[in-house]
Amino acid sequence: MKRVHLIAAAFFATTSVFAQSDAFPFGDPKLGRKVLQEKCSVCHVARFGGDGSGVFTRAKRKVSSTQSLLAWVQRCNAGNKLELNGEQEESVAAYLNQAYYKFK
């Protein structure tokens, strides 16, 4: 009986870890922050002033979901010829989501 309880506990612990929501599973927020600072901040500061975060905190944000967040990162990458790879794009989105948007 004790063995059954241990197996059940292990099963539920494992499945709860895998069931956790991760909006950007292939993104690394630490890398995303670095990429944002190195590649994106110049434009954001020029357009929004301060440290550039106004684009993320303004009342009428254009981003309303994880999909639109990643799409905006990809659009900015292509439009500004930043030459970010897919991992960098997803990492920037992961950082922005963690720091500003909080999508599930």
C-alpha atoms as a PDB file:
ATOM      1  CA  MET A   1       0.000   0.000   0.000  1.00  0.00           C
ATOM      2  CA  LYS A   2       2.827   2.377   0.857  1.00  0.00           C
ATOM      3  CA  ARG A   3       4.376   1.690  -2.550  1.00  0.00           C
ATOM      4  CA  VAL A   4       1.116   2.640  -4.298  1.00  0.00           C
ATOM      5  CA  HIS A   5       1.067   5.953  -2.439  1.00  0.00           C
ATOM      6  CA  LEU A   6       4.673   6.668  -3.411  1.00  0.00           C
ATOM      7  CA  ILE A   7       3.977   5.872  -7.055  1.00  0.00           C
ATOM      8  CA  ALA A   8       0.856   8.050  -7.034  1.00  0.00           C
ATOM      9  CA  ALA A   9       2.734  10.915  -5.378  1.00  0.00           C
ATOM     10  CA  ALA A  10       5.553  10.659  -7.921  1.00  0.00           C
ATOM     11  CA  PHE A  11       3.052  10.612 -10.794  1.00  0.00           C
ATOM     12  CA  PHE A  12       1.189  13.711  -9.626  1.00  0.00           C
ATOM     13  CA  ALA A  13       4.395  15.604  -8.866  1.00  0.00           C
ATOM     14  CA  THR A  14       5.727  14.839 -12.342  1.00  0.00           C
ATOM     15  CA  THR A  15       2.532  15.670 -14.204  1.00  0.00           C
ATOM     16  CA  SER A  16       2.058  18.929 -12.327  1.00  0.00           C
ATOM     17  CA  VAL A  17       5.514  20.071 -13.437  1.00  0.00           C
ATOM     18  CA  PHE A  18       4.738  19.303 -17.068  1.00  0.00           C
ATOM     19  CA  ALA A  19       1.268  20.827 -16.835  1.00  0.00           C
ATOM     20  CA  GLN A  20       2.581  24.222 -15.793  1.00  0.00           C
ATOM     21  CA  SER A  21       1.887  26.910 -18.348  1.00  0.00           C
ATOM     22  CA  ASP A  22       4.907  28.336 -20.096  1.00  0.00           C
ATOM     23  CA  ALA A  23       3.992  30.975 -22.645  1.00  0.00           C
ATOM     24  CA  PHE A  24       7.382  30.785 -24.392  1.00  0.00           C
ATOM     25  CA  PRO A  25       8.883  27.354 -23.678  1.00  0.00           C
ATOM     26  CA  PHE A  26      11.847  27.861 -26.009  1.00  0.00           C
ATOM     27  CA  GLY A  27      12.654  31.361 -24.801  1.00  0.00           C
ATOM     28  CA  ASP A  28      15.225  32.344 -22.195  1.00  0.00           C
ATOM     29  CA  PRO A  29      14.190  35.573 -20.428  1.00  0.00           C
ATOM     30  CA  LYS A  30      17.806  36.336 -19.425  1.00  0.00           C
ATOM     31  CA  LEU A  31      18.939  36.111 -23.046  1.00  0.00           C
ATOM     32  CA  GLY A  32      15.870  38.098 -24.094  1.00  0.00           C
ATOM     33  CA  ARG A  33      16.730  40.944 -21.724  1.00  0.00           C
ATOM     34  CA  LYS A  34      20.285  41.059 -23.077  1.00  0.00           C
ATOM     35  CA  VAL A  35      19.106  41.045 -26.706  1.00  0.00           C
ATOM     36  CA  LEU A  36      16.515  43.740 -25.955  1.00  0.00           C
ATOM     37  CA  GLN A  37      19.153  45.964 -24.369  1.00  0.00           C
ATOM     38  CA  GLU A  38      21.665  45.430 -27.175  1.00  0.00           C
ATOM     39  CA  LYS A  39      19.407  45.481 -30.236  1.00  0.00           C
ATOM     40  CA  CYS A  40      16.053  47.068 -29.405  1.00  0.00           C
ATOM     41  CA  SER A  41      16.494  49.736 -26.740  1.00  0.00           C
ATOM     42  CA  VAL A  42      17.978  52.384 -29.036  1.00  0.00           C
ATOM     43  CA  CYS A  43      14.790  52.575 -31.079  1.00  0.00           C
ATOM     44  CA  HIS A  44      12.487  52.283 -28.064  1.00  0.00           C
ATOM     45  CA  VAL A  45      14.297  55.083 -26.217  1.00  0.00           C
ATOM     46  CA  ALA A  46      14.199  57.309 -29.312  1.00  0.00           C
ATOM     47  CA  ARG A  47      10.466  56.734 -29.822  1.00  0.00           C
ATOM     48  CA  PHE A  48       9.207  56.585 -26.229  1.00  0.00           C
ATOM     49  CA  GLY A  49      11.866  58.357 -24.154  1.00  0.00           C
ATOM     50  CA  GLY A  50      13.229  57.339 -20.778  1.00  0.00           C
ATOM     51  CA  ASP A  51      14.475  53.770 -20.793  1.00  0.00           C
ATOM     52  CA  GLY A  52      12.144  52.836 -23.663  1.00  0.00           C
ATOM     53  CA  SER A  53       9.803  50.761 -21.519  1.00  0.00           C
ATOM     54  CA  GLY A  54       6.934  53.145 -22.257  1.00  0.00           C
ATOM     55  CA  VAL A  55       6.119  51.047 -25.305  1.00  0.00           C
ATOM     56  CA  PHE A  56       5.268  48.155 -22.984  1.00  0.00           C
ATOM     57  CA  THR A  57       3.474  50.101 -20.255  1.00  0.00           C
ATOM     58  CA  ARG A  58       1.310  52.510 -22.272  1.00  0.00           C
ATOM     59  CA  ALA A  59      -2.443  52.372 -21.771  1.00  0.00           C
ATOM     60  CA  LYS A  60      -3.331  51.397 -25.346  1.00  0.00           C
ATOM     61  CA  ARG A  61      -0.955  48.501 -25.902  1.00  0.00           C
ATOM     62  CA  LYS A  62      -1.070  46.747 -29.256  1.00  0.00           C
ATOM     63  CA  VAL A  63      -0.138  43.411 -27.673  1.00  0.00           C
ATOM     64  CA  SER A  64      -2.991  41.386 -26.197  1.00  0.00           C
ATOM     65  CA  SER A  65      -1.766  37.769 -26.230  1.00  0.00           C
ATOM     66  CA  THR A  66       1.352  35.627 -26.390  1.00  0.00           C
ATOM     67  CA  GLN A  67       0.814  35.226 -30.131  1.00  0.00           C
ATOM     68  CA  SER A  68       0.616  38.959 -30.757  1.00  0.00           C
ATOM     69  CA  LEU A  69       3.638  39.573 -28.514  1.00  0.00           C
ATOM     70  CA  LEU A  70       5.793  37.174 -30.505  1.00  0.00           C
ATOM     71  CA  ALA A  71       4.395  38.597 -33.767  1.00  0.00           C
ATOM     72  CA  TRP A  72       5.410  42.129 -32.710  1.00  0.00           C
ATOM     73  CA  VAL A  73       8.913  40.976 -31.800  1.00  0.00           C
ATOM     74  CA  GLN A  74       9.184  39.273 -35.201  1.00  0.00           C
ATOM     75  CA  ARG A  75       7.792  42.357 -36.978  1.00  0.00           C
ATOM     76  CA  CYS A  76      10.281  44.658 -35.244  1.00  0.00           C
ATOM     77  CA  ASN A  77      13.102  42.238 -36.020  1.00  0.00           C
ATOM     78  CA  ALA A  78      12.264  42.142 -39.729  1.00  0.00           C
ATOM     79  CA  GLY A  79      11.367  45.823 -40.064  1.00  0.00           C
ATOM     80  CA  ASN A  80      14.521  47.036 -38.361  1.00  0.00           C
ATOM     81  CA  LYS A  81      16.781  44.381 -39.907  1.00  0.00           C
ATOM     82  CA  LEU A  82      18.013  43.263 -36.474  1.00  0.00           C
ATOM     83  CA  GLU A  83      18.900  39.781 -37.759  1.00  0.00           C
ATOM     84  CA  LEU A  84      17.662  37.985 -34.644  1.00  0.00           C
ATOM     85  CA  ASN A  85      17.267  34.230 -34.934  1.00  0.00           C
ATOM     86  CA  GLY A  86      14.143  32.386 -33.772  1.00  0.00           C
ATOM     87  CA  GLU A  87      15.588  31.607 -30.342  1.00  0.00           C
ATOM     88  CA  GLN A  88      16.431  35.271 -29.787  1.00  0.00           C
ATOM     89  CA  GLU A  89      12.939  36.354 -30.878  1.00  0.00           C
ATOM     90  CA  GLU A  90      11.285  33.907 -28.511  1.00  0.00           C
ATOM     91  CA  SER A  91      13.690  34.921 -25.724  1.00  0.00           C
ATOM     92  CA  VAL A  92      12.834  38.604 -26.157  1.00  0.00           C
ATOM     93  CA  ALA A  93       9.135  37.702 -26.050  1.00  0.00           C
ATOM     94  CA  ALA A  94       9.737  35.561 -22.939  1.00  0.00           C
ATOM     95  CA  TYR A  95      11.518  38.442 -21.193  1.00  0.00           C
ATOM     96  CA  LEU A  96       8.855  40.984 -22.137  1.00  0.00           C
ATOM     97  CA  ASN A  97       6.128  38.638 -20.976  1.00  0.00           C
ATOM     98  CA  GLN A  98       7.894  38.025 -17.676  1.00  0.00           C
ATOM     99  CA  ALA A  99       8.676  41.701 -17.073  1.00  0.00           C
ATOM    100  CA  TYR A 100       5.574  43.460 -18.442  1.00  0.00           C
ATOM    101  CA  TYR A 101       2.751  41.412 -19.929  1.00  0.00           C
ATOM    102  CA  LYS A 102       2.277  38.387 -17.636  1.00  0.00           C
ATOM    103  CA  PHE A 103       0.367  36.262 -20.178  1.00  0.00           C
ATOM    104  CA  LYS A 104      -0.168  32.592 -19.236  1.00  0.00           C
END
